[in-house]
């Protein structure tokens, strides 16, 4: 990536560099949030890339997209697959509990 940006100052390369920077920032946020909060919905939302106000359908859609992409990749990371699986389990449980206790509200936060 750095070689590409040094050889070509095209806007596509700059956009790619920005995307990588945003991904690095997101990864750092996930790492920081993961410390001591593995069982919390906030961590799970970050892992699946959904908003705290996501519905169960949105969580399932995100999980399906991410897991298909990861499992089809030749160099998929088993730890990342495990984390995504854990994240969806946490959110499923949280949303189902919320639906039972809040008379059918299916949101992560009020």
C-alpha atoms as a PDB file:
ATOM      1  CA  UNK A   1       0.000   0.000   0.000  1.00  0.00           C
ATOM      2  CA  UNK A   2       2.760   2.450   0.882  1.00  0.00           C
ATOM      3  CA  UNK A   3       4.576   1.555  -2.338  1.00  0.00           C
ATOM      4  CA  UNK A   4       1.370   2.141  -4.312  1.00  0.00           C
ATOM      5  CA  UNK A   5       0.856   5.554  -2.734  1.00  0.00           C
ATOM      6  CA  UNK A   6       4.445   6.566  -3.449  1.00  0.00           C
ATOM      7  CA  UNK A   7       4.142   5.559  -7.115  1.00  0.00           C
ATOM      8  CA  UNK A   8       0.664   6.861  -7.829  1.00  0.00           C
ATOM      9  CA  UNK A   9      -1.037   9.837  -6.242  1.00  0.00           C
ATOM     10  CA  UNK A  10      -4.361   8.971  -7.850  1.00  0.00           C
ATOM     11  CA  UNK A  11      -7.529   9.582  -5.847  1.00  0.00           C
ATOM     12  CA  UNK A  12      -8.317   5.837  -5.807  1.00  0.00           C
ATOM     13  CA  UNK A  13      -5.083   5.135  -3.949  1.00  0.00           C
ATOM     14  CA  UNK A  14      -5.777   7.927  -1.465  1.00  0.00           C
ATOM     15  CA  UNK A  15      -9.259   6.517  -0.885  1.00  0.00           C
ATOM     16  CA  UNK A  16      -7.745   3.080  -0.297  1.00  0.00           C
ATOM     17  CA  UNK A  17      -5.241   4.555   2.173  1.00  0.00           C
ATOM     18  CA  UNK A  18      -8.092   6.291   4.051  1.00  0.00           C
ATOM     19  CA  UNK A  19     -10.033   3.031   4.162  1.00  0.00           C
ATOM     20  CA  UNK A  20      -7.024   1.203   5.601  1.00  0.00           C
ATOM     21  CA  UNK A  21      -6.566   3.949   8.210  1.00  0.00           C
ATOM     22  CA  UNK A  22     -10.242   3.675   9.178  1.00  0.00           C
ATOM     23  CA  UNK A  23      -9.921  -0.095   9.415  1.00  0.00           C
ATOM     24  CA  UNK A  24      -6.861   0.254  11.655  1.00  0.00           C
ATOM     25  CA  UNK A  25      -8.771   2.685  13.868  1.00  0.00           C
ATOM     26  CA  UNK A  26     -11.736   0.301  14.065  1.00  0.00           C
ATOM     27  CA  UNK A  27      -9.432  -2.607  14.908  1.00  0.00           C
ATOM     28  CA  UNK A  28      -7.808  -0.606  17.701  1.00  0.00           C
ATOM     29  CA  UNK A  29     -11.244   0.283  19.086  1.00  0.00           C
ATOM     30  CA  UNK A  30     -12.255  -3.375  19.045  1.00  0.00           C
ATOM     31  CA  UNK A  31      -9.030  -4.371  20.800  1.00  0.00           C
ATOM     32  CA  UNK A  32      -9.504  -1.702  23.470  1.00  0.00           C
ATOM     33  CA  UNK A  33     -13.151  -2.576  23.987  1.00  0.00           C
ATOM     34  CA  UNK A  34     -12.435  -6.300  24.079  1.00  0.00           C
ATOM     35  CA  UNK A  35     -10.233  -5.989  27.156  1.00  0.00           C
ATOM     36  CA  UNK A  36     -12.468  -7.019  30.037  1.00  0.00           C
ATOM     37  CA  UNK A  37     -15.743  -6.608  28.152  1.00  0.00           C
ATOM     38  CA  UNK A  38     -15.927  -9.776  26.094  1.00  0.00           C
ATOM     39  CA  UNK A  39     -19.414 -10.613  27.324  1.00  0.00           C
ATOM     40  CA  UNK A  40     -20.962  -7.227  26.659  1.00  0.00           C
ATOM     41  CA  UNK A  41     -23.173  -6.195  23.757  1.00  0.00           C
ATOM     42  CA  UNK A  42     -20.949  -3.187  22.987  1.00  0.00           C
ATOM     43  CA  UNK A  43     -18.063  -5.466  22.064  1.00  0.00           C
ATOM     44  CA  UNK A  44     -20.362  -7.671  20.010  1.00  0.00           C
ATOM     45  CA  UNK A  45     -21.727  -4.663  18.096  1.00  0.00           C
ATOM     46  CA  UNK A  46     -18.192  -3.601  17.218  1.00  0.00           C
ATOM     47  CA  UNK A  47     -17.277  -7.096  16.074  1.00  0.00           C
ATOM     48  CA  UNK A  48     -20.303  -7.319  13.767  1.00  0.00           C
ATOM     49  CA  UNK A  49     -20.243  -3.693  12.669  1.00  0.00           C
ATOM     50  CA  UNK A  50     -23.807  -2.969  13.756  1.00  0.00           C
ATOM     51  CA  UNK A  51     -25.236  -0.035  15.645  1.00  0.00           C
ATOM     52  CA  UNK A  52     -26.354  -0.442  19.273  1.00  0.00           C
ATOM     53  CA  UNK A  53     -29.912   0.120  18.025  1.00  0.00           C
ATOM     54  CA  UNK A  54     -29.731  -2.839  15.619  1.00  0.00           C
ATOM     55  CA  UNK A  55     -32.582  -5.301  15.412  1.00  0.00           C
ATOM     56  CA  UNK A  56     -32.137  -9.059  15.471  1.00  0.00           C
ATOM     57  CA  UNK A  57     -32.667  -9.153  11.695  1.00  0.00           C
ATOM     58  CA  UNK A  58     -29.878  -6.594  11.174  1.00  0.00           C
ATOM     59  CA  UNK A  59     -27.548  -8.570  13.437  1.00  0.00           C
ATOM     60  CA  UNK A  60     -28.290 -11.799  11.559  1.00  0.00           C
ATOM     61  CA  UNK A  61     -27.747 -10.118   8.173  1.00  0.00           C
ATOM     62  CA  UNK A  62     -24.401  -8.699   9.264  1.00  0.00           C
ATOM     63  CA  UNK A  63     -23.316 -12.028  10.744  1.00  0.00           C
ATOM     64  CA  UNK A  64     -24.271 -13.881   7.573  1.00  0.00           C
ATOM     65  CA  UNK A  65     -22.347 -11.460   5.359  1.00  0.00           C
ATOM     66  CA  UNK A  66     -19.222 -11.482   7.530  1.00  0.00           C
ATOM     67  CA  UNK A  67     -19.164 -15.234   8.118  1.00  0.00           C
ATOM     68  CA  UNK A  68     -19.659 -16.069   4.436  1.00  0.00           C
ATOM     69  CA  UNK A  69     -16.846 -13.720   3.467  1.00  0.00           C
ATOM     70  CA  UNK A  70     -14.494 -15.100   6.129  1.00  0.00           C
ATOM     71  CA  UNK A  71     -15.217 -18.764   5.513  1.00  0.00           C
ATOM     72  CA  UNK A  72     -14.791 -18.415   1.752  1.00  0.00           C
ATOM     73  CA  UNK A  73     -11.396 -16.730   2.092  1.00  0.00           C
ATOM     74  CA  UNK A  74      -8.424 -19.037   1.714  1.00  0.00           C
ATOM     75  CA  UNK A  75      -6.522 -17.350   4.514  1.00  0.00           C
ATOM     76  CA  UNK A  76      -9.354 -16.986   7.014  1.00  0.00           C
ATOM     77  CA  UNK A  77      -8.317 -16.436  10.608  1.00  0.00           C
ATOM     78  CA  UNK A  78      -9.809 -19.027  13.003  1.00  0.00           C
ATOM     79  CA  UNK A  79      -9.610 -16.595  15.931  1.00  0.00           C
ATOM     80  CA  UNK A  80     -11.580 -13.968  14.009  1.00  0.00           C
ATOM     81  CA  UNK A  81     -14.211 -16.563  13.038  1.00  0.00           C
ATOM     82  CA  UNK A  82     -14.505 -17.549  16.706  1.00  0.00           C
ATOM     83  CA  UNK A  83     -14.879 -13.892  17.746  1.00  0.00           C
ATOM     84  CA  UNK A  84     -17.631 -13.243  15.203  1.00  0.00           C
ATOM     85  CA  UNK A  85     -19.455 -16.404  16.305  1.00  0.00           C
ATOM     86  CA  UNK A  86     -19.190 -15.302  19.949  1.00  0.00           C
ATOM     87  CA  UNK A  87     -20.401 -11.812  19.079  1.00  0.00           C
ATOM     88  CA  UNK A  88     -23.550 -13.064  17.357  1.00  0.00           C
ATOM     89  CA  UNK A  89     -24.303 -15.411  20.280  1.00  0.00           C
ATOM     90  CA  UNK A  90     -24.038 -12.484  22.702  1.00  0.00           C
ATOM     91  CA  UNK A  91     -26.336 -10.262  20.645  1.00  0.00           C
ATOM     92  CA  UNK A  92     -28.877 -13.011  20.009  1.00  0.00           C
ATOM     93  CA  UNK A  93     -29.112 -13.720  23.723  1.00  0.00           C
ATOM     94  CA  UNK A  94     -29.253 -10.030  24.598  1.00  0.00           C
ATOM     95  CA  UNK A  95     -31.945  -9.232  22.037  1.00  0.00           C
ATOM     96  CA  UNK A  96     -34.076 -12.229  22.940  1.00  0.00           C
ATOM     97  CA  UNK A  97     -33.868 -11.342  26.625  1.00  0.00           C
ATOM     98  CA  UNK A  98     -34.724  -7.722  25.800  1.00  0.00           C
ATOM     99  CA  UNK A  99     -37.709  -8.845  23.731  1.00  0.00           C
ATOM    100  CA  UNK A 100     -39.055 -10.890  26.639  1.00  0.00           C
ATOM    101  CA  UNK A 101     -38.513  -8.218  29.285  1.00  0.00           C
ATOM    102  CA  UNK A 102     -39.543  -5.129  27.312  1.00  0.00           C
ATOM    103  CA  UNK A 103     -42.846  -6.367  25.880  1.00  0.00           C
ATOM    104  CA  UNK A 104     -41.455  -7.137  22.454  1.00  0.00           C
ATOM    105  CA  UNK A 105     -38.980  -4.303  21.942  1.00  0.00           C
ATOM    106  CA  UNK A 106     -36.216  -5.806  19.847  1.00  0.00           C
ATOM    107  CA  UNK A 107     -33.522  -3.183  20.182  1.00  0.00           C
ATOM    108  CA  UNK A 108     -30.151  -3.367  21.911  1.00  0.00           C
ATOM    109  CA  UNK A 109     -30.652  -0.086  23.745  1.00  0.00           C
ATOM    110  CA  UNK A 110     -33.693   1.946  24.673  1.00  0.00           C
END
